[in-house]
Amino acid sequence: MARVVVDVMPKPEILDPQGQAALGAAGRLGFTGITEIRQGKHFEIEVDDSVDDATLEKIAEGFLANPVIEQWTIKRVDA
């Protein structure tokens, strides 16, 4: 078994209203020095050893992310 982490974020050119709302809230709560917040998704997936990198890429692109507006990274980590 292996643990895979997939992080999905809006592409830099895509407006991130959730991140902007969090940035505004941080300022209202008195946090200073924060210039940008972008909100994404974090997935931790347990897979067996038969799942290769190409399959993980298909899972990320076709199921976990919207490739039109999001980018992702895939990382295998110690289980």
Protein backbone atom coordinates (compact mmCIF):
# COMPACT_ATOMS: atom_id res chain seq x y z
CA MET A 1 0.00 0.00 0.00
CA ALA A 2 1.11 3.54 -0.68
CA ARG A 3 -0.22 6.92 0.31
CA VAL A 4 -0.58 9.51 -2.42
CA VAL A 5 -1.19 13.21 -1.82
CA VAL A 6 -2.89 15.26 -4.52
CA ASP A 7 -3.05 19.02 -4.03
CA VAL A 8 -5.39 20.93 -6.33
CA MET A 9 -5.22 24.72 -6.66
CA PRO A 10 -6.86 27.28 -8.93
CA LYS A 11 -4.60 28.27 -11.80
CA PRO A 12 -2.83 31.60 -11.11
CA GLU A 13 -4.87 33.45 -13.73
CA ILE A 14 -8.20 32.26 -12.26
CA LEU A 15 -10.03 34.47 -9.76
CA ASP A 16 -10.23 32.79 -6.33
CA PRO A 17 -13.25 34.24 -4.49
CA GLN A 18 -12.81 31.91 -1.50
CA GLY A 19 -9.21 32.99 -1.11
CA GLN A 20 -10.21 36.65 -1.40
CA ALA A 21 -12.89 36.16 1.27
CA ALA A 22 -10.34 34.52 3.58
CA LEU A 23 -7.89 37.39 2.96
CA GLY A 24 -10.56 39.93 3.87
CA ALA A 25 -11.49 38.00 7.02
CA ALA A 26 -7.84 37.76 8.07
CA GLY A 27 -7.53 41.54 7.86
CA ARG A 28 -10.73 42.09 9.83
CA LEU A 29 -9.42 39.73 12.52
CA GLY A 30 -6.28 41.82 12.87
CA PHE A 31 -3.79 39.63 11.00
CA THR A 32 -1.35 41.82 9.13
CA GLY A 33 1.28 41.14 6.50
CA ILE A 34 -0.82 38.67 4.51
CA THR A 35 -0.87 39.72 0.86
CA GLU A 36 -2.64 36.78 -0.77
CA ILE A 37 -4.59 33.65 0.13
CA ARG A 38 -5.48 30.99 -2.41
CA GLN A 39 -7.75 28.15 -1.36
CA GLY A 40 -7.49 24.68 -2.84
CA LYS A 41 -8.15 21.04 -2.11
CA HIS A 42 -5.94 18.42 -0.48
CA PHE A 43 -6.56 14.70 -1.09
CA GLU A 44 -4.84 11.76 0.62
CA ILE A 45 -5.39 8.50 -1.22
CA GLU A 46 -4.35 4.98 -0.22
CA VAL A 47 -3.50 2.90 -3.28
CA ASP A 48 -2.03 -0.54 -3.80
CA ASP A 49 1.28 -1.03 -5.57
CA SER A 50 -0.38 -1.74 -8.92
CA VAL A 51 -1.47 1.92 -9.34
CA ASP A 52 1.15 3.62 -11.49
CA ASP A 53 1.91 7.31 -12.01
CA ALA A 54 -0.05 7.46 -15.28
CA THR A 55 -3.16 6.19 -13.50
CA LEU A 56 -2.69 8.71 -10.70
CA GLU A 57 -2.45 11.48 -13.30
CA LYS A 58 -5.71 10.30 -14.89
CA ILE A 59 -7.41 10.27 -11.47
CA ALA A 60 -6.26 13.81 -10.73
CA GLU A 61 -7.13 15.21 -14.15
CA GLY A 62 -10.40 13.39 -14.70
CA PHE A 63 -11.86 13.15 -11.21
CA LEU A 64 -10.23 15.35 -8.56
CA ALA A 65 -9.56 18.52 -10.55
CA ASN A 66 -11.10 20.62 -13.28
CA PRO A 67 -8.19 20.95 -15.72
CA VAL A 68 -9.68 24.09 -17.27
CA ILE A 69 -9.34 26.15 -14.10
CA GLU A 70 -7.20 24.08 -11.71
CA GLN A 71 -3.67 22.71 -11.53
CA TRP A 72 -2.49 19.84 -9.35
CA THR A 73 0.54 18.11 -7.92
CA ILE A 74 0.83 14.43 -7.11
CA LYS A 75 3.25 13.10 -4.52
CA ARG A 76 3.79 9.61 -3.16
CA VAL A 77 4.53 9.69 0.56
CA ASP A 78 5.51 7.07 3.10
CA ALA A 79 2.47 5.20 4.34
